[in-house]
Amino acid sequence: MALIASSEQRILTTLAHISAHTFVEATQKLAVVTRRAEASSGYLSSAELLLLKSALRDMTAIGT
């Protein structure tokens, strides 16, 4: 189980480092974070927080 959790964290971190170029891509990042937050009673891991910040940064860049 620890291997799966570690792999999930690496995937989320990698996704957070990829810039979204469209609003749809940024929204998909937010959807991943939202689903994971709902599954864990609202608590986010450090990788999930990194993904959230990345999505918000991308949305800001797309909007300007």
N, C-alpha and C. Protein backbone atom coordinates (compact mmCIF):
# COMPACT_ATOMS: atom_id res chain seq x y z
N MET A 1 0.82 -1.19 0.00
CA MET A 1 0.00 0.00 0.00
C MET A 1 0.86 1.26 0.00
N ALA A 2 1.99 1.20 0.69
CA ALA A 2 2.89 2.36 0.74
C ALA A 2 3.45 2.67 -0.64
N LEU A 3 3.67 1.64 -1.44
CA LEU A 3 4.17 1.83 -2.79
C LEU A 3 3.15 2.57 -3.65
N ILE A 4 1.88 2.24 -3.50
CA ILE A 4 0.83 2.92 -4.25
C ILE A 4 0.74 4.37 -3.83
N ALA A 5 0.78 4.65 -2.55
CA ALA A 5 0.72 6.03 -2.06
C ALA A 5 1.91 6.83 -2.55
N SER A 6 3.08 6.22 -2.55
CA SER A 6 4.28 6.90 -3.03
C SER A 6 4.17 7.20 -4.51
N SER A 7 3.66 6.27 -5.27
CA SER A 7 3.48 6.47 -6.72
C SER A 7 2.47 7.57 -7.00
N GLU A 8 1.39 7.60 -6.24
CA GLU A 8 0.38 8.65 -6.41
C GLU A 8 0.99 10.02 -6.13
N GLN A 9 1.81 10.12 -5.10
CA GLN A 9 2.43 11.40 -4.76
C GLN A 9 3.36 11.86 -5.88
N ARG A 10 4.12 10.92 -6.46
CA ARG A 10 5.00 11.27 -7.57
C ARG A 10 4.22 11.73 -8.78
N ILE A 11 3.11 11.07 -9.07
CA ILE A 11 2.27 11.46 -10.22
C ILE A 11 1.71 12.86 -10.00
N LEU A 12 1.20 13.14 -8.81
CA LEU A 12 0.64 14.46 -8.52
C LEU A 12 1.71 15.54 -8.62
N THR A 13 2.89 15.26 -8.11
CA THR A 13 3.99 16.22 -8.17
C THR A 13 4.40 16.48 -9.61
N THR A 14 4.47 15.44 -10.41
CA THR A 14 4.80 15.60 -11.83
C THR A 14 3.74 16.42 -12.54
N LEU A 15 2.49 16.12 -12.28
CA LEU A 15 1.39 16.87 -12.89
C LEU A 15 1.45 18.34 -12.49
N ALA A 16 1.84 18.60 -11.26
CA ALA A 16 1.92 19.98 -10.78
C ALA A 16 3.01 20.76 -11.50
N HIS A 17 4.03 20.09 -11.99
CA HIS A 17 5.13 20.77 -12.67
C HIS A 17 4.89 20.96 -14.16
N ILE A 18 3.79 20.42 -14.67
CA ILE A 18 3.44 20.60 -16.08
C ILE A 18 2.48 21.77 -16.17
N SER A 19 2.83 22.76 -16.97
CA SER A 19 1.98 23.94 -17.11
C SER A 19 0.79 23.64 -18.00
N ALA A 20 -0.37 24.07 -17.55
CA ALA A 20 -1.57 23.98 -18.38
C ALA A 20 -1.56 25.14 -19.37
N HIS A 21 -1.93 24.85 -20.59
CA HIS A 21 -1.93 25.88 -21.63
C HIS A 21 -3.33 26.35 -21.99
N THR A 22 -4.34 25.65 -21.48
CA THR A 22 -5.72 26.04 -21.74
C THR A 22 -6.51 26.01 -20.44
N PHE A 23 -7.63 26.66 -20.45
CA PHE A 23 -8.50 26.67 -19.28
C PHE A 23 -8.96 25.25 -18.94
N VAL A 24 -9.20 24.44 -19.97
CA VAL A 24 -9.65 23.06 -19.75
C VAL A 24 -8.59 22.25 -19.01
N GLU A 25 -7.33 22.39 -19.41
CA GLU A 25 -6.26 21.66 -18.73
C GLU A 25 -6.14 22.09 -17.27
N ALA A 26 -6.24 23.38 -17.01
CA ALA A 26 -6.17 23.88 -15.63
C ALA A 26 -7.36 23.38 -14.82
N THR A 27 -8.51 23.33 -15.45
CA THR A 27 -9.71 22.84 -14.77
C THR A 27 -9.57 21.36 -14.43
N GLN A 28 -8.92 20.60 -15.30
CA GLN A 28 -8.70 19.19 -15.01
C GLN A 28 -7.81 19.02 -13.78
N LYS A 29 -6.82 19.86 -13.63
CA LYS A 29 -5.98 19.81 -12.43
C LYS A 29 -6.83 20.07 -11.19
N LEU A 30 -7.68 21.08 -11.27
CA LEU A 30 -8.54 21.39 -10.13
C LEU A 30 -9.50 20.24 -9.82
N ALA A 31 -9.97 19.57 -10.85
CA ALA A 31 -10.88 18.43 -10.66
C ALA A 31 -10.18 17.30 -9.91
N VAL A 32 -8.92 17.06 -10.22
CA VAL A 32 -8.16 16.01 -9.52
C VAL A 32 -8.04 16.36 -8.05
N VAL A 33 -7.69 17.60 -7.75
CA VAL A 33 -7.54 18.02 -6.36
C VAL A 33 -8.88 17.94 -5.63
N THR A 34 -9.94 18.37 -6.28
CA THR A 34 -11.28 18.35 -5.66
C THR A 34 -11.71 16.93 -5.34
N ARG A 35 -11.53 16.02 -6.28
CA ARG A 35 -11.91 14.61 -6.03
C ARG A 35 -11.10 14.03 -4.87
N ARG A 36 -9.81 14.32 -4.83
CA ARG A 36 -8.98 13.78 -3.77
C ARG A 36 -9.34 14.40 -2.42
N ALA A 37 -9.69 15.67 -2.41
CA ALA A 37 -10.09 16.32 -1.15
C ALA A 37 -11.39 15.72 -0.63
N GLU A 38 -12.32 15.47 -1.53
CA GLU A 38 -13.58 14.86 -1.12
C GLU A 38 -13.37 13.46 -0.57
N ALA A 39 -12.44 12.74 -1.16
CA ALA A 39 -12.16 11.37 -0.72
C ALA A 39 -11.45 11.32 0.63
N SER A 40 -10.77 12.41 0.98
CA SER A 40 -10.01 12.41 2.23
C SER A 40 -10.57 13.41 3.25
N SER A 41 -11.85 13.66 3.19
CA SER A 41 -12.53 14.57 4.12
C SER A 41 -11.97 15.98 4.11
N GLY A 42 -11.44 16.41 2.97
CA GLY A 42 -11.00 17.78 2.83
C GLY A 42 -9.53 18.04 3.11
N TYR A 43 -8.81 17.05 3.62
CA TYR A 43 -7.40 17.24 3.92
C TYR A 43 -6.56 16.91 2.69
N LEU A 44 -5.60 17.77 2.37
CA LEU A 44 -4.76 17.57 1.20
C LEU A 44 -3.32 17.29 1.62
N SER A 45 -2.68 16.40 0.88
CA SER A 45 -1.27 16.11 1.10
C SER A 45 -0.44 17.26 0.53
N SER A 46 0.85 17.24 0.78
CA SER A 46 1.71 18.29 0.23
C SER A 46 1.72 18.26 -1.29
N ALA A 47 1.68 17.07 -1.90
CA ALA A 47 1.65 16.97 -3.36
C ALA A 47 0.33 17.52 -3.91
N GLU A 48 -0.76 17.27 -3.22
CA GLU A 48 -2.06 17.79 -3.66
C GLU A 48 -2.10 19.31 -3.54
N LEU A 49 -1.51 19.85 -2.47
CA LEU A 49 -1.43 21.31 -2.34
C LEU A 49 -0.58 21.91 -3.44
N LEU A 50 0.50 21.25 -3.79
CA LEU A 50 1.36 21.70 -4.88
C LEU A 50 0.58 21.72 -6.20
N LEU A 51 -0.23 20.69 -6.43
CA LEU A 51 -1.06 20.63 -7.63
C LEU A 51 -2.10 21.74 -7.63
N LEU A 52 -2.70 22.02 -6.49
CA LEU A 52 -3.68 23.10 -6.39
C LEU A 52 -3.04 24.45 -6.71
N LYS A 53 -1.89 24.71 -6.13
CA LYS A 53 -1.18 25.96 -6.41
C LYS A 53 -0.81 26.06 -7.88
N SER A 54 -0.40 24.95 -8.47
CA SER A 54 -0.05 24.92 -9.89
C SER A 54 -1.26 25.26 -10.76
N ALA A 55 -2.40 24.66 -10.43
CA ALA A 55 -3.61 24.92 -11.21
C ALA A 55 -4.03 26.39 -11.11
N LEU A 56 -3.95 26.94 -9.91
CA LEU A 56 -4.31 28.35 -9.74
C LEU A 56 -3.34 29.27 -10.47
N ARG A 57 -2.05 28.93 -10.43
CA ARG A 57 -1.04 29.70 -11.16
C ARG A 57 -1.32 29.65 -12.66
N ASP A 58 -1.63 28.45 -13.16
CA ASP A 58 -1.93 28.28 -14.58
C ASP A 58 -3.16 29.09 -14.98
N MET A 59 -4.19 29.07 -14.16
CA MET A 59 -5.42 29.82 -14.48
C MET A 59 -5.14 31.31 -14.51
N THR A 60 -4.30 31.77 -13.61
CA THR A 60 -3.94 33.18 -13.60
C THR A 60 -3.16 33.55 -14.87
N ALA A 61 -2.24 32.69 -15.25
CA ALA A 61 -1.44 32.95 -16.47
C ALA A 61 -2.32 32.91 -17.72
N ILE A 62 -3.26 32.00 -17.77
CA ILE A 62 -4.14 31.89 -18.93
C ILE A 62 -5.06 33.11 -19.02
N GLY A 63 -5.46 33.61 -17.85
CA GLY A 63 -6.38 34.74 -17.83
C GLY A 63 -5.76 36.07 -18.16
N THR A 64 -4.43 36.16 -18.20
CA THR A 64 -3.78 37.44 -18.49
C THR A 64 -3.30 37.53 -19.91
